[in-house]
Amino acid sequence: MSTVPVDLPVDADLQVCPRVAKMFKLQWEEVQKSWVLLYPEGMVKLNGSAGEIMSRLDGNTSIQTLISTLEQQFETTGLQADVLDFLTIAKRQGWVKL
């Protein structure tokens, strides 16, 4: 079993399928040329990496598949730690549900 950040549940693994939390709406903002998270009190503008990750969180795609997809799309390897770190932060902010 792969290791996951401390903030993720102890029993979580790379087969968990995260999704954007219900109180947030993820959308592309053409004017800002970025993904944003809308919520009742405002908006969070995501950087490029965060937007790429968040836009793939559909509740059906596992973390492992997400990592593989990103590595293929960007023709790189070794993104697991970065993706897990971001998901830890996003979960802590309440943006993501596992």
PDB file of N, CA and C in Angstrom:
ATOM      1  N   MET A   1       0.846  -1.184   0.000  1.00  0.00           N
ATOM      2  CA  MET A   1       0.000   0.000   0.000  1.00  0.00           C
ATOM      3  C   MET A   1       0.889   1.244   0.000  1.00  0.00           C
ATOM      4  N   SER A   2       0.559   2.221  -0.812  1.00  0.00           N
ATOM      5  CA  SER A   2       1.322   3.454  -0.887  1.00  0.00           C
ATOM      6  C   SER A   2       1.040   4.312   0.333  1.00  0.00           C
ATOM      7  N   THR A   3       2.020   5.131   0.678  1.00  0.00           N
ATOM      8  CA  THR A   3       1.810   6.024   1.806  1.00  0.00           C
ATOM      9  C   THR A   3       1.019   7.236   1.350  1.00  0.00           C
ATOM     10  N   VAL A   4       0.262   7.809   2.283  1.00  0.00           N
ATOM     11  CA  VAL A   4      -0.522   9.004   2.007  1.00  0.00           C
ATOM     12  C   VAL A   4      -0.218  10.033   3.082  1.00  0.00           C
ATOM     13  N   PRO A   5      -0.466  11.307   2.832  1.00  0.00           N
ATOM     14  CA  PRO A   5      -0.198  12.331   3.836  1.00  0.00           C
ATOM     15  C   PRO A   5      -0.967  12.074   5.128  1.00  0.00           C
ATOM     16  N   VAL A   6      -0.430  12.574   6.220  1.00  0.00           N
ATOM     17  CA  VAL A   6      -1.005  12.361   7.542  1.00  0.00           C
ATOM     18  C   VAL A   6      -2.442  12.860   7.625  1.00  0.00           C
ATOM     19  N   ASP A   7      -2.786  13.956   6.957  1.00  0.00           N
ATOM     20  CA  ASP A   7      -4.123  14.524   7.064  1.00  0.00           C
ATOM     21  C   ASP A   7      -5.190  13.686   6.374  1.00  0.00           C
ATOM     22  N   LEU A   8      -4.806  12.796   5.485  1.00  0.00           N
ATOM     23  CA  LEU A   8      -5.774  11.925   4.856  1.00  0.00           C
ATOM     24  C   LEU A   8      -6.087  10.793   5.822  1.00  0.00           C
ATOM     25  N   PRO A   9      -7.280  10.209   5.739  1.00  0.00           N
ATOM     26  CA  PRO A   9      -7.635   9.140   6.674  1.00  0.00           C
ATOM     27  C   PRO A   9      -6.608   8.008   6.667  1.00  0.00           C
ATOM     28  N   VAL A  10      -6.404   7.420   7.832  1.00  0.00           N
ATOM     29  CA  VAL A  10      -5.417   6.353   7.979  1.00  0.00           C
ATOM     30  C   VAL A  10      -5.680   5.212   6.993  1.00  0.00           C
ATOM     31  N   ASP A  11      -6.943   4.919   6.729  1.00  0.00           N
ATOM     32  CA  ASP A  11      -7.262   3.803   5.851  1.00  0.00           C
ATOM     33  C   ASP A  11      -7.318   4.210   4.371  1.00  0.00           C
ATOM     34  N   ALA A  12      -7.010   5.480   4.074  1.00  0.00           N
ATOM     35  CA  ALA A  12      -7.045   5.941   2.682  1.00  0.00           C
ATOM     36  C   ALA A  12      -5.894   5.310   1.911  1.00  0.00           C
ATOM     37  N   ASP A  13      -6.144   5.058   0.645  1.00  0.00           N
ATOM     38  CA  ASP A  13      -5.082   4.585  -0.225  1.00  0.00           C
ATOM     39  C   ASP A  13      -5.240   5.272  -1.579  1.00  0.00           C
ATOM     40  N   LEU A  14      -4.420   4.906  -2.509  1.00  0.00           N
ATOM     41  CA  LEU A  14      -4.430   5.563  -3.812  1.00  0.00           C
ATOM     42  C   LEU A  14      -5.634   5.170  -4.653  1.00  0.00           C
ATOM     43  N   GLN A  15      -6.496   4.288  -4.138  1.00  0.00           N
ATOM     44  CA  GLN A  15      -7.721   3.919  -4.851  1.00  0.00           C
ATOM     45  C   GLN A  15      -8.912   4.783  -4.427  1.00  0.00           C
ATOM     46  N   VAL A  16      -8.698   5.674  -3.452  1.00  0.00           N
ATOM     47  CA  VAL A  16      -9.744   6.602  -3.027  1.00  0.00           C
ATOM     48  C   VAL A  16     -10.078   7.519  -4.201  1.00  0.00           C
ATOM     49  N   CYS A  17     -11.366   7.850  -4.344  1.00  0.00           N
ATOM     50  CA  CYS A  17     -11.845   8.684  -5.458  1.00  0.00           C
ATOM     51  C   CYS A  17     -12.372  10.011  -4.908  1.00  0.00           C
ATOM     52  N   PRO A  18     -11.502  11.016  -4.785  1.00  0.00           N
ATOM     53  CA  PRO A  18     -11.935  12.291  -4.224  1.00  0.00           C
ATOM     54  C   PRO A  18     -12.839  13.067  -5.178  1.00  0.00           C
ATOM     55  N   ARG A  19     -13.581  14.029  -4.598  1.00  0.00           N
ATOM     56  CA  ARG A  19     -14.452  14.895  -5.389  1.00  0.00           C
ATOM     57  C   ARG A  19     -14.414  16.293  -4.777  1.00  0.00           C
ATOM     58  N   VAL A  20     -14.842  17.259  -5.553  1.00  0.00           N
ATOM     59  CA  VAL A  20     -14.962  18.621  -5.060  1.00  0.00           C
ATOM     60  C   VAL A  20     -16.102  18.641  -4.038  1.00  0.00           C
ATOM     61  N   ALA A  21     -15.862  19.274  -2.901  1.00  0.00           N
ATOM     62  CA  ALA A  21     -16.881  19.345  -1.849  1.00  0.00           C
ATOM     63  C   ALA A  21     -18.136  20.056  -2.367  1.00  0.00           C
ATOM     64  N   LYS A  22     -19.288  19.652  -1.857  1.00  0.00           N
ATOM     65  CA  LYS A  22     -20.571  20.131  -2.358  1.00  0.00           C
ATOM     66  C   LYS A  22     -20.776  21.635  -2.250  1.00  0.00           C
ATOM     67  N   MET A  23     -20.190  22.285  -1.265  1.00  0.00           N
ATOM     68  CA  MET A  23     -20.430  23.725  -1.135  1.00  0.00           C
ATOM     69  C   MET A  23     -19.618  24.557  -2.129  1.00  0.00           C
ATOM     70  N   PHE A  24     -18.764  23.887  -2.901  1.00  0.00           N
ATOM     71  CA  PHE A  24     -17.942  24.585  -3.888  1.00  0.00           C
ATOM     72  C   PHE A  24     -18.367  24.220  -5.300  1.00  0.00           C
ATOM     73  N   LYS A  25     -18.189  25.162  -6.191  1.00  0.00           N
ATOM     74  CA  LYS A  25     -18.413  24.909  -7.613  1.00  0.00           C
ATOM     75  C   LYS A  25     -17.120  25.247  -8.331  1.00  0.00           C
ATOM     76  N   LEU A  26     -16.574  24.272  -9.033  1.00  0.00           N
ATOM     77  CA  LEU A  26     -15.354  24.481  -9.803  1.00  0.00           C
ATOM     78  C   LEU A  26     -15.739  24.913 -11.207  1.00  0.00           C
ATOM     79  N   GLN A  27     -15.149  26.006 -11.668  1.00  0.00           N
ATOM     80  CA  GLN A  27     -15.418  26.405 -13.043  1.00  0.00           C
ATOM     81  C   GLN A  27     -14.224  27.137 -13.633  1.00  0.00           C
ATOM     82  N   TRP A  28     -14.119  27.069 -14.958  1.00  0.00           N
ATOM     83  CA  TRP A  28     -13.082  27.772 -15.690  1.00  0.00           C
ATOM     84  C   TRP A  28     -13.529  29.216 -15.879  1.00  0.00           C
ATOM     85  N   GLU A  29     -12.677  30.150 -15.529  1.00  0.00           N
ATOM     86  CA  GLU A  29     -12.959  31.577 -15.717  1.00  0.00           C
ATOM     87  C   GLU A  29     -12.098  32.081 -16.865  1.00  0.00           C
ATOM     88  N   GLU A  30     -12.708  32.270 -17.997  1.00  0.00           N
ATOM     89  CA  GLU A  30     -11.979  32.693 -19.193  1.00  0.00           C
ATOM     90  C   GLU A  30     -11.269  34.032 -18.979  1.00  0.00           C
ATOM     91  N   VAL A  31     -11.936  34.968 -18.318  1.00  0.00           N
ATOM     92  CA  VAL A  31     -11.353  36.290 -18.086  1.00  0.00           C
ATOM     93  C   VAL A  31     -10.049  36.172 -17.306  1.00  0.00           C
ATOM     94  N   GLN A  32     -10.022  35.267 -16.321  1.00  0.00           N
ATOM     95  CA  GLN A  32      -8.831  35.096 -15.492  1.00  0.00           C
ATOM     96  C   GLN A  32      -7.893  34.024 -16.037  1.00  0.00           C
ATOM     97  N   LYS A  33      -8.345  33.297 -17.052  1.00  0.00           N
ATOM     98  CA  LYS A  33      -7.562  32.208 -17.641  1.00  0.00           C
ATOM     99  C   LYS A  33      -7.116  31.218 -16.570  1.00  0.00           C
ATOM    100  N   SER A  34      -8.066  30.863 -15.689  1.00  0.00           N
ATOM    101  CA  SER A  34      -7.743  29.913 -14.624  1.00  0.00           C
ATOM    102  C   SER A  34      -9.016  29.255 -14.100  1.00  0.00           C
ATOM    103  N   TRP A  35      -8.803  28.138 -13.400  1.00  0.00           N
ATOM    104  CA  TRP A  35      -9.882  27.473 -12.688  1.00  0.00           C
ATOM    105  C   TRP A  35     -10.113  28.227 -11.385  1.00  0.00           C
ATOM    106  N   VAL A  36     -11.365  28.320 -10.977  1.00  0.00           N
ATOM    107  CA  VAL A  36     -11.713  28.939  -9.708  1.00  0.00           C
ATOM    108  C   VAL A  36     -12.702  28.049  -8.969  1.00  0.00           C
ATOM    109  N   LEU A  37     -12.656  28.162  -7.659  1.00  0.00           N
ATOM    110  CA  LEU A  37     -13.642  27.506  -6.803  1.00  0.00           C
ATOM    111  C   LEU A  37     -14.572  28.595  -6.293  1.00  0.00           C
ATOM    112  N   LEU A  38     -15.843  28.486  -6.640  1.00  0.00           N
ATOM    113  CA  LEU A  38     -16.839  29.443  -6.169  1.00  0.00           C
ATOM    114  C   LEU A  38     -17.525  28.870  -4.940  1.00  0.00           C
ATOM    115  N   TYR A  39     -17.797  29.724  -3.976  1.00  0.00           N
ATOM    116  CA  TYR A  39     -18.530  29.332  -2.789  1.00  0.00           C
ATOM    117  C   TYR A  39     -19.342  30.535  -2.328  1.00  0.00           C
ATOM    118  N   PRO A  40     -20.310  30.363  -1.423  1.00  0.00           N
ATOM    119  CA  PRO A  40     -21.224  31.457  -1.092  1.00  0.00           C
ATOM    120  C   PRO A  40     -20.547  32.765  -0.680  1.00  0.00           C
ATOM    121  N   GLU A  41     -19.421  32.693  -0.009  1.00  0.00           N
ATOM    122  CA  GLU A  41     -18.760  33.897   0.481  1.00  0.00           C
ATOM    123  C   GLU A  41     -17.727  34.469  -0.481  1.00  0.00           C
ATOM    124  N   GLY A  42     -17.453  33.791  -1.590  1.00  0.00           N
ATOM    125  CA  GLY A  42     -16.429  34.320  -2.474  1.00  0.00           C
ATOM    126  C   GLY A  42     -15.922  33.331  -3.495  1.00  0.00           C
ATOM    127  N   MET A  43     -14.630  33.464  -3.781  1.00  0.00           N
ATOM    128  CA  MET A  43     -14.010  32.689  -4.841  1.00  0.00           C
ATOM    129  C   MET A  43     -12.546  32.444  -4.497  1.00  0.00           C
ATOM    130  N   VAL A  44     -12.054  31.269  -4.878  1.00  0.00           N
ATOM    131  CA  VAL A  44     -10.638  30.940  -4.744  1.00  0.00           C
ATOM    132  C   VAL A  44     -10.092  30.746  -6.152  1.00  0.00           C
ATOM    133  N   LYS A  45      -9.112  31.546  -6.525  1.00  0.00           N
ATOM    134  CA  LYS A  45      -8.453  31.379  -7.825  1.00  0.00           C
ATOM    135  C   LYS A  45      -7.345  30.349  -7.653  1.00  0.00           C
ATOM    136  N   LEU A  46      -7.396  29.283  -8.444  1.00  0.00           N
ATOM    137  CA  LEU A  46      -6.424  28.198  -8.335  1.00  0.00           C
ATOM    138  C   LEU A  46      -5.259  28.434  -9.287  1.00  0.00           C
ATOM    139  N   ASN A  47      -4.062  28.048  -8.844  1.00  0.00           N
ATOM    140  CA  ASN A  47      -2.931  28.120  -9.764  1.00  0.00           C
ATOM    141  C   ASN A  47      -3.056  26.979 -10.775  1.00  0.00           C
ATOM    142  N   GLY A  48      -2.190  26.957 -11.754  1.00  0.00           N
ATOM    143  CA  GLY A  48      -2.293  25.976 -12.827  1.00  0.00           C
ATOM    144  C   GLY A  48      -2.310  24.538 -12.359  1.00  0.00           C
ATOM    145  N   SER A  49      -1.396  24.181 -11.475  1.00  0.00           N
ATOM    146  CA  SER A  49      -1.313  22.803 -10.984  1.00  0.00           C
ATOM    147  C   SER A  49      -2.563  22.416 -10.197  1.00  0.00           C
ATOM    148  N   ALA A  50      -2.996  23.309  -9.319  1.00  0.00           N
ATOM    149  CA  ALA A  50      -4.190  23.035  -8.522  1.00  0.00           C
ATOM    150  C   ALA A  50      -5.412  22.872  -9.421  1.00  0.00           C
ATOM    151  N   GLY A  51      -5.514  23.713 -10.435  1.00  0.00           N
ATOM    152  CA  GLY A  51      -6.630  23.616 -11.362  1.00  0.00           C
ATOM    153  C   GLY A  51      -6.631  22.304 -12.127  1.00  0.00           C
ATOM    154  N   GLU A  52      -5.444  21.869 -12.557  1.00  0.00           N
ATOM    155  CA  GLU A  52      -5.337  20.595 -13.278  1.00  0.00           C
ATOM    156  C   GLU A  52      -5.797  19.434 -12.402  1.00  0.00           C
ATOM    157  N   ILE A  53      -5.442  19.468 -11.127  1.00  0.00           N
ATOM    158  CA  ILE A  53      -5.850  18.396 -10.212  1.00  0.00           C
ATOM    159  C   ILE A  53      -7.346  18.489  -9.924  1.00  0.00           C
ATOM    160  N   MET A  54      -7.806  19.664  -9.508  1.00  0.00           N
ATOM    161  CA  MET A  54      -9.205  19.822  -9.113  1.00  0.00           C
ATOM    162  C   MET A  54     -10.166  19.521 -10.257  1.00  0.00           C
ATOM    163  N   SER A  55      -9.778  19.866 -11.474  1.00  0.00           N
ATOM    164  CA  SER A  55     -10.684  19.654 -12.612  1.00  0.00           C
ATOM    165  C   SER A  55     -10.898  18.173 -12.913  1.00  0.00           C
ATOM    166  N   ARG A  56     -10.099  17.311 -12.321  1.00  0.00           N
ATOM    167  CA  ARG A  56     -10.211  15.870 -12.557  1.00  0.00           C
ATOM    168  C   ARG A  56     -10.868  15.115 -11.392  1.00  0.00           C
ATOM    169  N   LEU A  57     -11.241  15.839 -10.350  1.00  0.00           N
ATOM    170  CA  LEU A  57     -11.847  15.195  -9.179  1.00  0.00           C
ATOM    171  C   LEU A  57     -13.342  15.053  -9.397  1.00  0.00           C
ATOM    172  N   ASP A  58     -13.751  13.862  -9.821  1.00  0.00           N
ATOM    173  CA  ASP A  58     -15.156  13.636 -10.156  1.00  0.00           C
ATOM    174  C   ASP A  58     -15.836  12.625  -9.230  1.00  0.00           C
ATOM    175  N   GLY A  59     -15.121  12.150  -8.209  1.00  0.00           N
ATOM    176  CA  GLY A  59     -15.703  11.156  -7.313  1.00  0.00           C
ATOM    177  C   GLY A  59     -15.664   9.746  -7.863  1.00  0.00           C
ATOM    178  N   ASN A  60     -15.211   9.587  -9.106  1.00  0.00           N
ATOM    179  CA  ASN A  60     -15.113   8.271  -9.741  1.00  0.00           C
ATOM    180  C   ASN A  60     -13.684   7.901 -10.116  1.00  0.00           C
ATOM    181  N   THR A  61     -12.806   8.891 -10.167  1.00  0.00           N
ATOM    182  CA  THR A  61     -11.416   8.680 -10.569  1.00  0.00           C
ATOM    183  C   THR A  61     -10.545   8.551  -9.333  1.00  0.00           C
ATOM    184  N   SER A  62      -9.789   7.462  -9.248  1.00  0.00           N
ATOM    185  CA  SER A  62      -8.935   7.234  -8.083  1.00  0.00           C
ATOM    186  C   SER A  62      -7.734   8.186  -8.103  1.00  0.00           C
ATOM    187  N   ILE A  63      -7.141   8.366  -6.945  1.00  0.00           N
ATOM    188  CA  ILE A  63      -5.933   9.182  -6.851  1.00  0.00           C
ATOM    189  C   ILE A  63      -4.844   8.594  -7.743  1.00  0.00           C
ATOM    190  N   GLN A  64      -4.711   7.276  -7.760  1.00  0.00           N
ATOM    191  CA  GLN A  64      -3.698   6.631  -8.606  1.00  0.00           C
ATOM    192  C   GLN A  64      -3.934   6.947 -10.080  1.00  0.00           C
ATOM    193  N   THR A  65      -5.171   6.861 -10.537  1.00  0.00           N
ATOM    194  CA  THR A  65      -5.490   7.171 -11.928  1.00  0.00           C
ATOM    195  C   THR A  65      -5.236   8.642 -12.216  1.00  0.00           C
ATOM    196  N   LEU A  66      -5.588   9.500 -11.287  1.00  0.00           N
ATOM    197  CA  LEU A  66      -5.334  10.935 -11.422  1.00  0.00           C
ATOM    198  C   LEU A  66      -3.846  11.197 -11.631  1.00  0.00           C
ATOM    199  N   ILE A  67      -3.020  10.596 -10.788  1.00  0.00           N
ATOM    200  CA  ILE A  67      -1.567  10.775 -10.900  1.00  0.00           C
ATOM    201  C   ILE A  67      -1.073  10.271 -12.249  1.00  0.00           C
ATOM    202  N   SER A  68      -1.506   9.091 -12.638  1.00  0.00           N
ATOM    203  CA  SER A  68      -1.082   8.517 -13.930  1.00  0.00           C
ATOM    204  C   SER A  68      -1.502   9.402 -15.099  1.00  0.00           C
ATOM    205  N   THR A  69      -2.722   9.902 -15.047  1.00  0.00           N
ATOM    206  CA  THR A  69      -3.228  10.771 -16.116  1.00  0.00           C
ATOM    207  C   THR A  69      -2.399  12.048 -16.225  1.00  0.00           C
ATOM    208  N   LEU A  70      -2.117  12.659 -15.089  1.00  0.00           N
ATOM    209  CA  LEU A  70      -1.311  13.887 -15.094  1.00  0.00           C
ATOM    210  C   LEU A  70       0.099  13.619 -15.611  1.00  0.00           C
ATOM    211  N   GLU A  71       0.694  12.514 -15.178  1.00  0.00           N
ATOM    212  CA  GLU A  71       2.046  12.180 -15.648  1.00  0.00           C
ATOM    213  C   GLU A  71       2.067  11.945 -17.144  1.00  0.00           C
ATOM    214  N   GLN A  72       1.035  11.300 -17.674  1.00  0.00           N
ATOM    215  CA  GLN A  72       0.956  11.082 -19.121  1.00  0.00           C
ATOM    216  C   GLN A  72       0.753  12.392 -19.859  1.00  0.00           C
ATOM    217  N   GLN A  73      -0.206  13.187 -19.408  1.00  0.00           N
ATOM    218  CA  GLN A  73      -0.520  14.439 -20.096  1.00  0.00           C
ATOM    219  C   GLN A  73       0.672  15.373 -20.137  1.00  0.00           C
ATOM    220  N   PHE A  74       1.424  15.449 -19.048  1.00  0.00           N
ATOM    221  CA  PHE A  74       2.538  16.382 -18.974  1.00  0.00           C
ATOM    222  C   PHE A  74       3.890  15.719 -19.228  1.00  0.00           C
ATOM    223  N   GLU A  75       3.842  14.465 -19.678  1.00  0.00           N
ATOM    224  CA  GLU A  75       5.041  13.710 -20.057  1.00  0.00           C
ATOM    225  C   GLU A  75       6.137  13.812 -19.000  1.00  0.00           C
ATOM    226  N   THR A  76       5.764  13.405 -17.785  1.00  0.00           N
ATOM    227  CA  THR A  76       6.699  13.434 -16.673  1.00  0.00           C
ATOM    228  C   THR A  76       6.403  12.270 -15.734  1.00  0.00           C
ATOM    229  N   THR A  77       7.205  12.115 -14.729  1.00  0.00           N
ATOM    230  CA  THR A  77       6.983  11.111 -13.687  1.00  0.00           C
ATOM    231  C   THR A  77       7.228  11.764 -12.333  1.00  0.00           C
ATOM    232  N   GLY A  78       6.866  11.052 -11.284  1.00  0.00           N
ATOM    233  CA  GLY A  78       7.172  11.529  -9.933  1.00  0.00           C
ATOM    234  C   GLY A  78       6.224  12.575  -9.384  1.00  0.00           C
ATOM    235  N   LEU A  79       4.987  12.594  -9.850  1.00  0.00           N
ATOM    236  CA  LEU A  79       4.035  13.605  -9.365  1.00  0.00           C
ATOM    237  C   LEU A  79       3.265  13.179  -8.116  1.00  0.00           C
ATOM    238  N   GLN A  80       3.438  11.934  -7.690  1.00  0.00           N
ATOM    239  CA  GLN A  80       2.642  11.425  -6.575  1.00  0.00           C
ATOM    240  C   GLN A  80       2.736  12.305  -5.329  1.00  0.00           C
ATOM    241  N   ALA A  81       3.927  12.651  -4.902  1.00  0.00           N
ATOM    242  CA  ALA A  81       4.081  13.442  -3.676  1.00  0.00           C
ATOM    243  C   ALA A  81       3.410  14.802  -3.815  1.00  0.00           C
ATOM    244  N   ASP A  82       3.563  15.441  -4.968  1.00  0.00           N
ATOM    245  CA  ASP A  82       2.956  16.756  -5.178  1.00  0.00           C
ATOM    246  C   ASP A  82       1.435  16.676  -5.167  1.00  0.00           C
ATOM    247  N   VAL A  83       0.876  15.663  -5.828  1.00  0.00           N
ATOM    248  CA  VAL A  83      -0.578  15.500  -5.862  1.00  0.00           C
ATOM    249  C   VAL A  83      -1.098  15.227  -4.460  1.00  0.00           C
ATOM    250  N   LEU A  84      -0.447  14.341  -3.725  1.00  0.00           N
ATOM    251  CA  LEU A  84      -0.886  14.027  -2.365  1.00  0.00           C
ATOM    252  C   LEU A  84      -0.766  15.239  -1.449  1.00  0.00           C
ATOM    253  N   ASP A  85       0.314  16.015  -1.608  1.00  0.00           N
ATOM    254  CA  ASP A  85       0.460  17.234  -0.805  1.00  0.00           C
ATOM    255  C   ASP A  85      -0.682  18.207  -1.087  1.00  0.00           C
ATOM    256  N   PHE A  86      -1.001  18.387  -2.381  1.00  0.00           N
ATOM    257  CA  PHE A  86      -2.100  19.292  -2.715  1.00  0.00           C
ATOM    258  C   PHE A  86      -3.422  18.779  -2.154  1.00  0.00           C
ATOM    259  N   LEU A  87      -3.695  17.489  -2.309  1.00  0.00           N
ATOM    260  CA  LEU A  87      -4.953  16.941  -1.796  1.00  0.00           C
ATOM    261  C   LEU A  87      -5.050  17.097  -0.282  1.00  0.00           C
ATOM    262  N   THR A  88      -3.930  17.015   0.408  1.00  0.00           N
ATOM    263  CA  THR A  88      -3.916  17.229   1.854  1.00  0.00           C
ATOM    264  C   THR A  88      -4.352  18.655   2.177  1.00  0.00           C
ATOM    265  N   ILE A  89      -3.770  19.608   1.465  1.00  0.00           N
ATOM    266  CA  ILE A  89      -4.125  21.016   1.672  1.00  0.00           C
ATOM    267  C   ILE A  89      -5.587  21.256   1.299  1.00  0.00           C
ATOM    268  N   ALA A  90      -6.016  20.724   0.154  1.00  0.00           N
ATOM    269  CA  ALA A  90      -7.388  20.918  -0.318  1.00  0.00           C
ATOM    270  C   ALA A  90      -8.389  20.312   0.666  1.00  0.00           C
ATOM    271  N   LYS A  91      -8.059  19.164   1.218  1.00  0.00           N
ATOM    272  CA  LYS A  91      -8.943  18.539   2.212  1.00  0.00           C
ATOM    273  C   LYS A  91      -9.015  19.402   3.466  1.00  0.00           C
ATOM    274  N   ARG A  92      -7.873  19.889   3.903  1.00  0.00           N
ATOM    275  CA  ARG A  92      -7.827  20.741   5.092  1.00  0.00           C
ATOM    276  C   ARG A  92      -8.656  22.027   4.886  1.00  0.00           C
ATOM    277  N   GLN A  93      -8.654  22.549   3.668  1.00  0.00           N
ATOM    278  CA  GLN A  93      -9.422  23.760   3.343  1.00  0.00           C
ATOM    279  C   GLN A  93     -10.914  23.465   3.163  1.00  0.00           C
ATOM    280  N   GLY A  94     -11.257  22.195   3.079  1.00  0.00           N
ATOM    281  CA  GLY A  94     -12.644  21.814   2.883  1.00  0.00           C
ATOM    282  C   GLY A  94     -13.067  21.777   1.417  1.00  0.00           C
ATOM    283  N   TRP A  95     -12.117  21.915   0.495  1.00  0.00           N
ATOM    284  CA  TRP A  95     -12.412  21.932  -0.933  1.00  0.00           C
ATOM    285  C   TRP A  95     -12.706  20.535  -1.468  1.00  0.00           C
ATOM    286  N   VAL A  96     -12.160  19.508  -0.811  1.00  0.00           N
ATOM    287  CA  VAL A  96     -12.208  18.139  -1.334  1.00  0.00           C
ATOM    288  C   VAL A  96     -12.802  17.199  -0.290  1.00  0.00           C
ATOM    289  N   LYS A  97     -13.609  16.262  -0.774  1.00  0.00           N
ATOM    290  CA  LYS A  97     -14.121  15.173   0.058  1.00  0.00           C
ATOM    291  C   LYS A  97     -13.590  13.863  -0.503  1.00  0.00           C
ATOM    292  N   LEU A  98     -13.198  12.986   0.402  1.00  0.00           N
ATOM    293  CA  LEU A  98     -12.666  11.683  -0.018  1.00  0.00           C
ATOM    294  C   LEU A  98     -13.753  10.637   0.020  1.00  0.00           C
TER     295      LEU A  98
END
